[in-house]
Structures are given as C-alpha cells and as structure tokens.
Protein backbone atom coordinates (compact mmCIF):
# COMPACT_ATOMS: atom_id res chain seq x y z
CA MET A 1 95.83 116.64 110.84
CA SER A 2 93.81 119.91 110.36
CA ARG A 3 90.14 119.24 109.51
CA ARG A 4 90.07 122.41 107.49
CA ALA A 5 92.82 121.02 105.32
CA ILE A 6 90.47 118.60 103.73
CA SER A 7 88.60 119.77 100.70
CA LYS A 8 84.85 120.53 101.17
CA GLU A 9 84.17 118.47 98.10
CA ALA A 10 85.80 115.18 99.55
CA VAL A 11 83.54 112.21 99.91
CA GLY A 12 86.08 109.34 99.36
CA LEU A 13 89.51 107.98 99.55
CA ARG A 14 91.63 105.86 97.50
CA LEU A 15 94.78 104.18 99.11
CA ALA A 16 98.07 103.87 97.13
CA ARG A 17 101.70 102.87 97.81
CA ILE A 18 104.88 102.46 96.03
CA ASP A 19 106.47 99.09 96.42
CA SER A 20 110.22 98.12 96.78
CA ARG A 21 110.40 98.00 92.89
CA GLU A 22 108.99 101.50 92.39
CA ASN A 23 105.59 100.11 91.25
CA LEU A 24 102.54 102.15 92.04
CA ILE A 25 99.86 99.91 93.66
CA LEU A 26 96.45 101.37 93.83
CA CYS A 27 93.44 100.15 95.96
CA GLU A 28 89.90 100.49 95.16
CA ALA A 29 88.19 103.80 95.88
CA VAL A 30 86.03 103.99 98.92
CA ARG A 31 83.15 106.39 98.81
CA PHE A 32 81.68 107.48 102.12
CA VAL A 33 77.86 108.05 102.31
CA ALA A 34 78.23 110.61 104.95
CA GLY A 35 80.74 112.56 102.85
CA ARG A 36 83.48 114.89 103.99
CA PRO A 37 82.77 114.30 107.75
CA ALA A 38 83.24 110.58 107.37
CA VAL A 39 86.46 111.25 105.45
CA VAL A 40 87.82 113.36 108.27
CA THR A 41 86.88 110.96 110.92
CA THR A 42 88.47 108.04 109.06
CA LEU A 43 91.81 109.95 108.66
CA ARG A 44 91.72 110.96 112.24
CA ARG A 45 91.32 107.29 113.27
CA ALA A 46 94.36 106.41 111.05
CA GLU A 47 96.40 109.23 112.80
CA LEU A 48 96.21 107.25 115.96
CA ALA A 49 98.29 104.66 114.33
CA GLY A 50 100.79 106.67 112.61
CA ARG A 51 101.43 109.59 110.23
CA VAL A 52 98.66 111.39 108.38
CA GLU A 53 99.70 114.71 106.76
CA VAL A 54 97.39 116.51 104.34
CA ASP A 55 99.34 117.64 101.31
CA GLY A 56 102.50 116.36 102.99
CA LYS A 57 105.78 114.80 101.40
CA ILE A 58 104.75 111.32 99.91
CA GLU A 59 107.31 108.68 100.73
CA ASN A 60 105.79 105.27 100.01
CA HIS A 61 102.08 105.40 101.19
CA PHE A 62 99.36 107.95 100.47
CA ALA A 63 95.63 108.47 99.91
CA ASP A 64 93.98 110.44 97.21
CA VAL A 65 91.03 112.34 98.36
CA LEU A 66 88.28 112.09 95.84
CA ASP A 67 85.10 114.24 95.22
CA ASP A 68 81.65 112.93 94.02
CA ASN A 69 82.87 112.43 90.51
CA GLY A 70 85.93 110.55 91.58
CA ASP A 71 88.08 113.28 90.67
CA LEU A 72 91.28 113.94 92.79
CA VAL A 73 90.77 117.03 95.07
CA GLY A 74 93.76 116.30 97.54
CA THR A 75 96.43 113.99 98.61
CA VAL A 76 97.31 112.63 102.24
CA ALA A 77 100.78 111.42 103.06
CA LEU A 78 100.76 108.34 105.16
CA ASP A 79 103.25 106.03 106.74
CA ARG A 80 103.08 102.16 106.71
CA GLU A 81 101.12 102.09 109.97
CA SER A 82 98.51 104.47 109.06
CA TYR A 83 98.19 102.96 105.61
CA SER A 84 97.65 99.56 107.12
CA SER A 85 95.14 100.79 109.72
CA LEU A 86 93.02 102.39 106.87
CA LYS A 87 93.34 99.35 104.53
CA ASN A 88 92.76 96.59 107.04
CA HIS A 89 90.31 98.28 109.54
CA TRP A 90 88.69 101.61 108.92
CA MET A 91 87.97 101.30 105.20
CA ARG A 92 88.73 97.79 104.09
CA CYS A 93 89.56 97.69 100.34
CA ARG A 94 91.19 95.41 97.87
CA VAL A 95 94.28 96.14 95.49
CA GLU A 96 92.86 97.10 92.09
CA ARG A 97 94.08 94.64 89.56
CA ALA A 98 95.13 96.06 86.15
C-alpha cells in the first residue's frame, strides 16, 4: 500500500462488507485523533494480515476513507483477514444497526 495513495484529508475509516445474500453490512465510522498518519499506520498494520489495496477492486470487504466531515474521500479494498484484523484488533468497531 502506498502511503501517498491515501487522501490528505483522511481522518477516519468505516469498514463494510457484503454478505453471502448480497447485503451491505456497515460498521460504525472510526475517527482517528492523529488524522491521516493514524489512518496510514492502521492500514499498514492490516496489510500484515492480508490484502489492503487503495482504490482496488472490491470483492466482499472494504473500508471507506473519511474526511473530517465524514464524507467519503477514498476506498480501500480488503480481504477477509485484513478486514478482521481491523475490526477486531486495530480499530474495534460495531456493526451499525439500521
């Protein structure tokens, strides 16, 4: 993952996945106090577990990159392992209920 590929406005991430019934499952957004450097560090840590590809082809797991207003400024394609690493270890978050 190239650090330069992450938008300079990035301050948070929101995990998402598509389940076996083609339902989109979103997690709570996580905002990092340290901003972009923390986003980059978190994604690098997830890269140790699996696929982390900025603007890559999304299969079933991905993360939205968010700016200070909560607006989408990019997308990161993930695999099951990197998604799990983020959700359960590096940026614990809950599934958002409708």
